[in-house]
PDB file of N, CA and C in Angstrom:
ATOM      1  N   MET A   1     -15.379   7.178 -21.787  1.00  0.00           N
ATOM      2  CA  MET A   1     -14.932   7.584 -20.773  1.00  0.00           C
ATOM      3  C   MET A   1     -13.514   8.327 -21.434  1.00  0.00           C
ATOM      4  N   PRO A   2     -13.539   9.577 -20.188  1.00  0.00           N
ATOM      5  CA  PRO A   2     -12.552   9.978 -20.741  1.00  0.00           C
ATOM      6  C   PRO A   2     -11.264   9.491 -19.967  1.00  0.00           C
ATOM      7  N   ALA A   3     -10.085   9.765 -20.864  1.00  0.00           N
ATOM      8  CA  ALA A   3      -8.845   9.126 -20.286  1.00  0.00           C
ATOM      9  C   ALA A   3      -8.304   9.370 -18.827  1.00  0.00           C
ATOM     10  N   TRP A   4      -8.565  10.746 -18.725  1.00  0.00           N
ATOM     11  CA  TRP A   4      -8.027  10.883 -17.221  1.00  0.00           C
ATOM     12  C   TRP A   4      -8.715  10.642 -16.063  1.00  0.00           C
ATOM     13  N   LEU A   5     -10.236   9.986 -16.337  1.00  0.00           N
ATOM     14  CA  LEU A   5     -10.906   9.290 -15.536  1.00  0.00           C
ATOM     15  C   LEU A   5     -10.464   7.837 -15.267  1.00  0.00           C
ATOM     16  N   GLU A   6     -10.158   7.191 -16.497  1.00  0.00           N
ATOM     17  CA  GLU A   6      -9.630   5.999 -16.241  1.00  0.00           C
ATOM     18  C   GLU A   6      -8.443   5.794 -15.857  1.00  0.00           C
ATOM     19  N   VAL A   7      -7.571   6.736 -15.798  1.00  0.00           N
ATOM     20  CA  VAL A   7      -6.285   6.846 -15.133  1.00  0.00           C
ATOM     21  C   VAL A   7      -6.587   6.948 -13.800  1.00  0.00           C
ATOM     22  N   LEU A   8      -7.617   7.690 -13.277  1.00  0.00           N
ATOM     23  CA  LEU A   8      -8.043   8.033 -11.736  1.00  0.00           C
ATOM     24  C   LEU A   8      -8.399   6.644 -11.247  1.00  0.00           C
ATOM     25  N   LEU A   9      -9.247   6.092 -11.942  1.00  0.00           N
ATOM     26  CA  LEU A   9      -9.764   4.760 -11.475  1.00  0.00           C
ATOM     27  C   LEU A   9      -8.627   3.778 -11.310  1.00  0.00           C
ATOM     28  N   ASN A  10      -7.844   3.721 -12.270  1.00  0.00           N
ATOM     29  CA  ASN A  10      -6.688   2.661 -12.113  1.00  0.00           C
ATOM     30  C   ASN A  10      -5.681   3.197 -10.891  1.00  0.00           C
ATOM     31  N   LEU A  11      -5.629   4.097 -10.245  1.00  0.00           N
ATOM     32  CA  LEU A  11      -4.656   4.701  -9.521  1.00  0.00           C
ATOM     33  C   LEU A  11      -5.538   4.215  -8.305  1.00  0.00           C
ATOM     34  N   SER A  12      -6.789   4.971  -8.111  1.00  0.00           N
ATOM     35  CA  SER A  12      -7.419   4.196  -7.137  1.00  0.00           C
ATOM     36  C   SER A  12      -7.696   2.927  -6.375  1.00  0.00           C
ATOM     37  N   GLY A  13      -7.823   2.082  -8.018  1.00  0.00           N
ATOM     38  CA  GLY A  13      -7.969   0.792  -7.750  1.00  0.00           C
ATOM     39  C   GLY A  13      -6.430   0.265  -7.397  1.00  0.00           C
ATOM     40  N   TYR A  14      -5.614   0.442  -7.614  1.00  0.00           N
ATOM     41  CA  TYR A  14      -4.053   0.058  -7.365  1.00  0.00           C
ATOM     42  C   TYR A  14      -3.823   0.431  -5.862  1.00  0.00           C
ATOM     43  N   ALA A  15      -4.209   1.821  -5.320  1.00  0.00           N
ATOM     44  CA  ALA A  15      -4.009   1.985  -3.868  1.00  0.00           C
ATOM     45  C   ALA A  15      -4.824   1.101  -3.138  1.00  0.00           C
ATOM     46  N   GLY A  16      -6.105   0.980  -3.215  1.00  0.00           N
ATOM     47  CA  GLY A  16      -6.784   0.095  -2.355  1.00  0.00           C
ATOM     48  C   GLY A  16      -6.149  -1.488  -2.360  1.00  0.00           C
ATOM     49  N   PHE A  17      -5.687  -1.993  -3.741  1.00  0.00           N
ATOM     50  CA  PHE A  17      -5.118  -3.283  -3.629  1.00  0.00           C
ATOM     51  C   PHE A  17      -4.036  -3.162  -2.959  1.00  0.00           C
ATOM     52  N   VAL A  18      -3.143  -2.317  -2.870  1.00  0.00           N
ATOM     53  CA  VAL A  18      -1.907  -1.977  -2.037  1.00  0.00           C
ATOM     54  C   VAL A  18      -1.978  -1.595  -0.646  1.00  0.00           C
ATOM     55  N   ALA A  19      -3.505  -1.251   0.055  1.00  0.00           N
ATOM     56  CA  ALA A  19      -3.853  -1.268   1.263  1.00  0.00           C
ATOM     57  C   ALA A  19      -4.442  -2.598   1.998  1.00  0.00           C
ATOM     58  N   LEU A  20      -5.302  -3.040   0.726  1.00  0.00           N
ATOM     59  CA  LEU A  20      -5.351  -4.399   1.388  1.00  0.00           C
ATOM     60  C   LEU A  20      -4.471  -5.473   1.285  1.00  0.00           C
ATOM     61  N   ALA A  21      -3.272  -5.355   0.649  1.00  0.00           N
ATOM     62  CA  ALA A  21      -2.223  -6.615   0.740  1.00  0.00           C
ATOM     63  C   ALA A  21      -1.298  -6.165   2.060  1.00  0.00           C
ATOM     64  N   SER A  22      -1.306  -4.947   2.331  1.00  0.00           N
ATOM     65  CA  SER A  22      -0.354  -4.261   3.221  1.00  0.00           C
ATOM     66  C   SER A  22      -0.920  -4.779   4.722  1.00  0.00           C
ATOM     67  N   ARG A  23      -2.531  -4.608   4.670  1.00  0.00           N
ATOM     68  CA  ARG A  23      -2.868  -5.330   5.847  1.00  0.00           C
ATOM     69  C   ARG A  23      -3.161  -6.748   6.183  1.00  0.00           C
ATOM     70  N   GLY A  24      -2.746  -7.321   4.849  1.00  0.00           N
ATOM     71  CA  GLY A  24      -3.008  -8.868   4.928  1.00  0.00           C
ATOM     72  C   GLY A  24      -1.771  -9.766   5.473  1.00  0.00           C
ATOM     73  N   ALA A  25      -1.141 -10.452   4.594  1.00  0.00           N
ATOM     74  CA  ALA A  25       0.171 -11.296   4.907  1.00  0.00           C
ATOM     75  C   ALA A  25       1.408 -10.360   5.228  1.00  0.00           C
ATOM     76  N   ALA A  26       1.414  -9.377   4.372  1.00  0.00           N
ATOM     77  CA  ALA A  26       2.568  -8.257   4.285  1.00  0.00           C
ATOM     78  C   ALA A  26       2.601  -7.426   5.570  1.00  0.00           C
ATOM     79  N   GLY A  27       1.400  -7.405   6.134  1.00  0.00           N
ATOM     80  CA  GLY A  27       1.322  -6.356   7.265  1.00  0.00           C
ATOM     81  C   GLY A  27       2.036  -6.419   8.216  1.00  0.00           C
ATOM     82  N   PRO A  28       2.138  -7.389   9.303  1.00  0.00           N
ATOM     83  CA  PRO A  28       2.851  -7.825  10.332  1.00  0.00           C
ATOM     84  C   PRO A  28       4.292  -7.607   9.863  1.00  0.00           C
ATOM     85  N   GLN A  29       4.993  -8.070   8.800  1.00  0.00           N
ATOM     86  CA  GLN A  29       6.679  -8.005   8.223  1.00  0.00           C
ATOM     87  C   GLN A  29       6.816  -6.641   8.182  1.00  0.00           C
ATOM     88  N   ALA A  30       5.952  -5.870   7.197  1.00  0.00           N
ATOM     89  CA  ALA A  30       6.252  -4.545   7.323  1.00  0.00           C
ATOM     90  C   ALA A  30       6.542  -3.806   8.504  1.00  0.00           C
ATOM     91  N   THR A  31       5.535  -4.186   9.491  1.00  0.00           N
ATOM     92  CA  THR A  31       5.338  -3.236  10.609  1.00  0.00           C
ATOM     93  C   THR A  31       6.439  -3.610  11.592  1.00  0.00           C
ATOM     94  N   ALA A  32       7.230  -4.915  11.417  1.00  0.00           N
ATOM     95  CA  ALA A  32       8.161  -5.444  12.348  1.00  0.00           C
ATOM     96  C   ALA A  32       9.246  -4.810  11.760  1.00  0.00           C
ATOM     97  N   ASP A  33       9.752  -4.734  10.696  1.00  0.00           N
ATOM     98  CA  ASP A  33      10.876  -4.047  10.140  1.00  0.00           C
ATOM     99  C   ASP A  33      10.675  -2.562  10.116  1.00  0.00           C
ATOM    100  N   ASP A  34       9.469  -1.901  10.192  1.00  0.00           N
ATOM    101  CA  ASP A  34       9.514  -0.266  10.702  1.00  0.00           C
ATOM    102  C   ASP A  34       9.994  -0.365  12.013  1.00  0.00           C
ATOM    103  N   ARG A  35       9.372  -1.303  12.782  1.00  0.00           N
ATOM    104  CA  ARG A  35      10.104  -0.864  14.313  1.00  0.00           C
ATOM    105  C   ARG A  35      11.430  -1.068  14.470  1.00  0.00           C
ATOM    106  N   SER A  36      12.135  -2.092  13.537  1.00  0.00           N
ATOM    107  CA  SER A  36      13.492  -2.583  13.829  1.00  0.00           C
ATOM    108  C   SER A  36      14.199  -1.053  13.276  1.00  0.00           C
ATOM    109  N   TYR A  37      13.762  -0.515  12.197  1.00  0.00           N
ATOM    110  CA  TYR A  37      14.539   0.364  12.116  1.00  0.00           C
ATOM    111  C   TYR A  37      14.226   1.760  12.387  1.00  0.00           C
ATOM    112  N   GLY A  38      13.121   1.827  13.656  1.00  0.00           N
ATOM    113  CA  GLY A  38      12.833   3.112  14.317  1.00  0.00           C
ATOM    114  C   GLY A  38      13.753   2.869  15.486  1.00  0.00           C
ATOM    115  N   ASP A  39      14.004   1.583  15.920  1.00  0.00           N
ATOM    116  CA  ASP A  39      14.806   1.403  16.994  1.00  0.00           C
ATOM    117  C   ASP A  39      16.040   1.538  16.555  1.00  0.00           C
ATOM    118  N   GLU A  40      16.830   1.348  15.619  1.00  0.00           N
ATOM    119  CA  GLU A  40      18.188   1.437  15.227  1.00  0.00           C
ATOM    120  C   GLU A  40      18.166   3.189  15.059  1.00  0.00           C
ATOM    121  N   ARG A  41      17.361   4.200  14.653  1.00  0.00           N
ATOM    122  CA  ARG A  41      17.549   5.421  14.599  1.00  0.00           C
ATOM    123  C   ARG A  41      17.367   6.141  15.910  1.00  0.00           C
TER     124      ARG A  41
END
């Protein structure tokens, strides 16, 4: 397997993990923080 393909797969897998994690337990907390910061601005 080429090195660039391995790196691409690792990055895509990490991005997918972050997307799932942000939709999970961390999702409501992150959106609440974004809303509070948005209101302060």
